[in-house]
Amino acid sequence: MGLPSLLLAAACSSDVVILPPLSPCTVSRGQAINLAVGEYASVDPIPDSGCVVFSGNPSGTNSVEFLLVAQS
């Protein structure tokens, strides 16, 4: 009866921690990534709270696509 009672008490607890919102991801704050064709980068999200800024597409005719893969 000990563990189920503890889980029930924890689930019914009204202690809610509200964290402050993350600051906006801007060019000056985020980690800038500029990749050429076929290049890849591994990014540590901890220093910038997961903020990564990709450069804009300089070409009007060729589109740029990025594939983001979350790894742990």
N, C-alpha and C. Protein backbone atom coordinates (compact mmCIF):
# COMPACT_ATOMS: atom_id res chain seq x y z
N MET A 1 0.82 -1.19 0.00
CA MET A 1 0.00 0.00 0.00
C MET A 1 0.86 1.25 0.00
N GLY A 2 2.13 1.15 0.33
CA GLY A 2 2.99 2.32 0.45
C GLY A 2 3.21 3.05 -0.87
N LEU A 3 3.67 2.33 -1.91
CA LEU A 3 4.00 2.97 -3.18
C LEU A 3 2.76 3.51 -3.90
N PRO A 4 1.66 2.75 -4.01
CA PRO A 4 0.47 3.32 -4.66
C PRO A 4 -0.06 4.56 -3.95
N SER A 5 -0.01 4.56 -2.63
CA SER A 5 -0.48 5.74 -1.89
C SER A 5 0.40 6.94 -2.16
N LEU A 6 1.70 6.71 -2.25
CA LEU A 6 2.64 7.79 -2.53
C LEU A 6 2.41 8.35 -3.93
N LEU A 7 2.20 7.47 -4.90
CA LEU A 7 1.94 7.92 -6.27
C LEU A 7 0.63 8.69 -6.36
N LEU A 8 -0.39 8.24 -5.66
CA LEU A 8 -1.67 8.93 -5.66
C LEU A 8 -1.53 10.31 -5.02
N ALA A 9 -0.80 10.39 -3.93
CA ALA A 9 -0.60 11.68 -3.27
C ALA A 9 0.19 12.63 -4.16
N ALA A 10 1.17 12.12 -4.88
CA ALA A 10 1.96 12.97 -5.77
C ALA A 10 1.13 13.44 -6.96
N ALA A 11 0.24 12.57 -7.47
CA ALA A 11 -0.59 12.94 -8.61
C ALA A 11 -1.64 13.97 -8.23
N CYS A 12 -2.09 13.96 -7.00
CA CYS A 12 -3.13 14.88 -6.55
C CYS A 12 -2.57 16.14 -5.90
N SER A 13 -1.29 16.29 -5.92
CA SER A 13 -0.66 17.44 -5.28
C SER A 13 -0.98 18.71 -6.05
N SER A 14 -1.16 19.80 -5.33
CA SER A 14 -1.46 21.08 -5.98
C SER A 14 -0.22 21.94 -6.11
N ASP A 15 0.94 21.40 -5.76
CA ASP A 15 2.18 22.16 -5.90
C ASP A 15 2.59 22.19 -7.36
N VAL A 16 2.39 23.30 -8.01
CA VAL A 16 2.73 23.46 -9.41
C VAL A 16 3.84 24.49 -9.51
N VAL A 17 4.91 24.09 -10.13
CA VAL A 17 6.04 25.01 -10.32
C VAL A 17 5.91 25.64 -11.69
N ILE A 18 5.83 26.95 -11.73
CA ILE A 18 5.74 27.66 -13.00
C ILE A 18 7.09 28.30 -13.25
N LEU A 19 7.74 27.84 -14.30
CA LEU A 19 9.05 28.37 -14.65
C LEU A 19 8.89 29.62 -15.51
N PRO A 20 9.85 30.52 -15.48
CA PRO A 20 9.77 31.70 -16.34
C PRO A 20 9.88 31.28 -17.80
N PRO A 21 9.23 32.00 -18.70
CA PRO A 21 9.30 31.64 -20.12
C PRO A 21 10.72 31.81 -20.66
N LEU A 22 11.04 31.02 -21.66
CA LEU A 22 12.34 31.16 -22.31
C LEU A 22 12.40 32.47 -23.07
N SER A 23 13.57 33.05 -23.13
CA SER A 23 13.71 34.28 -23.90
C SER A 23 13.66 33.95 -25.39
N PRO A 24 13.28 34.92 -26.22
CA PRO A 24 13.15 34.66 -27.66
C PRO A 24 14.49 34.24 -28.29
N CYS A 25 14.40 33.41 -29.28
CA CYS A 25 15.58 32.97 -30.01
C CYS A 25 15.88 34.00 -31.09
N THR A 26 16.91 34.79 -30.90
CA THR A 26 17.27 35.85 -31.85
C THR A 26 18.66 35.60 -32.40
N VAL A 27 19.03 36.35 -33.42
CA VAL A 27 20.34 36.20 -34.04
C VAL A 27 21.45 36.49 -33.04
N SER A 28 21.25 37.48 -32.19
CA SER A 28 22.30 37.84 -31.24
C SER A 28 22.43 36.84 -30.10
N ARG A 29 21.40 36.08 -29.83
CA ARG A 29 21.41 35.16 -28.71
C ARG A 29 21.67 33.72 -29.13
N GLY A 30 21.19 33.31 -30.27
CA GLY A 30 21.28 31.92 -30.69
C GLY A 30 22.62 31.55 -31.28
N GLN A 31 22.82 30.26 -31.43
CA GLN A 31 24.03 29.75 -32.04
C GLN A 31 23.83 29.73 -33.55
N ALA A 32 24.62 30.53 -34.28
CA ALA A 32 24.46 30.65 -35.73
C ALA A 32 25.10 29.46 -36.43
N ILE A 33 24.38 28.90 -37.39
CA ILE A 33 24.88 27.77 -38.17
C ILE A 33 24.74 28.10 -39.64
N ASN A 34 25.83 27.98 -40.37
CA ASN A 34 25.85 28.22 -41.81
C ASN A 34 26.47 26.99 -42.45
N LEU A 35 25.68 26.23 -43.20
CA LEU A 35 26.15 24.97 -43.77
C LEU A 35 26.16 25.03 -45.29
N ALA A 36 27.19 24.44 -45.89
CA ALA A 36 27.24 24.28 -47.34
C ALA A 36 26.55 22.97 -47.69
N VAL A 37 26.41 22.71 -48.97
CA VAL A 37 25.75 21.49 -49.44
C VAL A 37 26.54 20.27 -48.94
N GLY A 38 25.84 19.34 -48.35
CA GLY A 38 26.44 18.10 -47.88
C GLY A 38 27.09 18.18 -46.51
N GLU A 39 27.15 19.36 -45.91
CA GLU A 39 27.74 19.49 -44.59
C GLU A 39 26.72 19.17 -43.51
N TYR A 40 27.21 18.84 -42.34
CA TYR A 40 26.34 18.60 -41.20
C TYR A 40 26.98 19.20 -39.96
N ALA A 41 26.19 19.39 -38.95
CA ALA A 41 26.69 19.93 -37.69
C ALA A 41 25.97 19.26 -36.53
N SER A 42 26.70 19.03 -35.48
CA SER A 42 26.13 18.52 -34.24
C SER A 42 26.16 19.66 -33.24
N VAL A 43 25.01 19.96 -32.65
CA VAL A 43 24.87 21.14 -31.80
C VAL A 43 24.52 20.72 -30.38
N ASP A 44 25.22 21.29 -29.41
CA ASP A 44 24.90 21.08 -28.01
C ASP A 44 23.85 22.13 -27.63
N PRO A 45 22.62 21.74 -27.30
CA PRO A 45 21.56 22.72 -27.03
C PRO A 45 21.64 23.38 -25.66
N ILE A 46 22.46 22.88 -24.77
CA ILE A 46 22.46 23.39 -23.39
C ILE A 46 22.92 24.85 -23.28
N PRO A 47 24.02 25.28 -23.92
CA PRO A 47 24.48 26.66 -23.72
C PRO A 47 23.47 27.73 -24.15
N ASP A 48 22.65 27.44 -25.16
CA ASP A 48 21.74 28.45 -25.70
C ASP A 48 20.27 28.09 -25.51
N SER A 49 19.96 27.22 -24.59
CA SER A 49 18.58 26.77 -24.34
C SER A 49 17.93 26.22 -25.61
N GLY A 50 18.71 25.58 -26.45
CA GLY A 50 18.18 24.98 -27.66
C GLY A 50 17.97 25.96 -28.80
N CYS A 51 18.50 27.17 -28.68
CA CYS A 51 18.30 28.20 -29.70
C CYS A 51 19.37 28.07 -30.78
N VAL A 52 18.95 27.78 -32.01
CA VAL A 52 19.86 27.67 -33.14
C VAL A 52 19.30 28.53 -34.26
N VAL A 53 20.16 29.34 -34.89
CA VAL A 53 19.73 30.24 -35.96
C VAL A 53 20.39 29.79 -37.26
N PHE A 54 19.58 29.48 -38.27
CA PHE A 54 20.09 29.09 -39.58
C PHE A 54 20.10 30.31 -40.48
N SER A 55 21.13 30.40 -41.32
CA SER A 55 21.24 31.54 -42.22
C SER A 55 20.14 31.50 -43.27
N GLY A 56 19.82 32.67 -43.79
CA GLY A 56 18.78 32.77 -44.81
C GLY A 56 19.26 32.23 -46.15
N ASN A 57 18.35 32.04 -47.06
CA ASN A 57 18.66 31.54 -48.38
C ASN A 57 19.11 32.70 -49.27
N PRO A 58 20.39 32.73 -49.69
CA PRO A 58 20.86 33.84 -50.52
C PRO A 58 20.35 33.78 -51.96
N SER A 59 19.90 32.62 -52.40
CA SER A 59 19.47 32.46 -53.78
C SER A 59 17.95 32.54 -53.88
N GLY A 60 17.48 33.23 -54.89
CA GLY A 60 16.05 33.31 -55.11
C GLY A 60 15.50 32.14 -55.89
N THR A 61 16.38 31.39 -56.58
CA THR A 61 15.91 30.28 -57.42
C THR A 61 16.10 28.91 -56.77
N ASN A 62 17.14 28.76 -55.99
CA ASN A 62 17.40 27.46 -55.34
C ASN A 62 16.92 27.51 -53.91
N SER A 63 16.17 26.51 -53.53
CA SER A 63 15.68 26.48 -52.16
C SER A 63 16.68 25.76 -51.25
N VAL A 64 16.67 26.11 -50.00
CA VAL A 64 17.54 25.49 -49.01
C VAL A 64 16.65 24.74 -48.03
N GLU A 65 17.00 23.50 -47.75
CA GLU A 65 16.24 22.70 -46.79
C GLU A 65 17.19 22.17 -45.74
N PHE A 66 16.73 22.17 -44.50
CA PHE A 66 17.52 21.64 -43.39
C PHE A 66 16.74 20.49 -42.77
N LEU A 67 17.46 19.45 -42.40
CA LEU A 67 16.87 18.31 -41.70
C LEU A 67 17.38 18.35 -40.27
N LEU A 68 16.46 18.49 -39.33
CA LEU A 68 16.82 18.52 -37.91
C LEU A 68 16.47 17.18 -37.30
N VAL A 69 17.45 16.56 -36.65
CA VAL A 69 17.26 15.26 -36.02
C VAL A 69 17.60 15.38 -34.55
N ALA A 70 16.63 15.13 -33.71
CA ALA A 70 16.88 15.17 -32.26
C ALA A 70 17.52 13.87 -31.83
N GLN A 71 18.63 13.96 -31.13
CA GLN A 71 19.34 12.79 -30.65
C GLN A 71 19.55 12.90 -29.16
N SER A 72 19.65 11.77 -28.52
CA SER A 72 19.94 11.80 -27.08
C SER A 72 21.01 10.79 -26.75
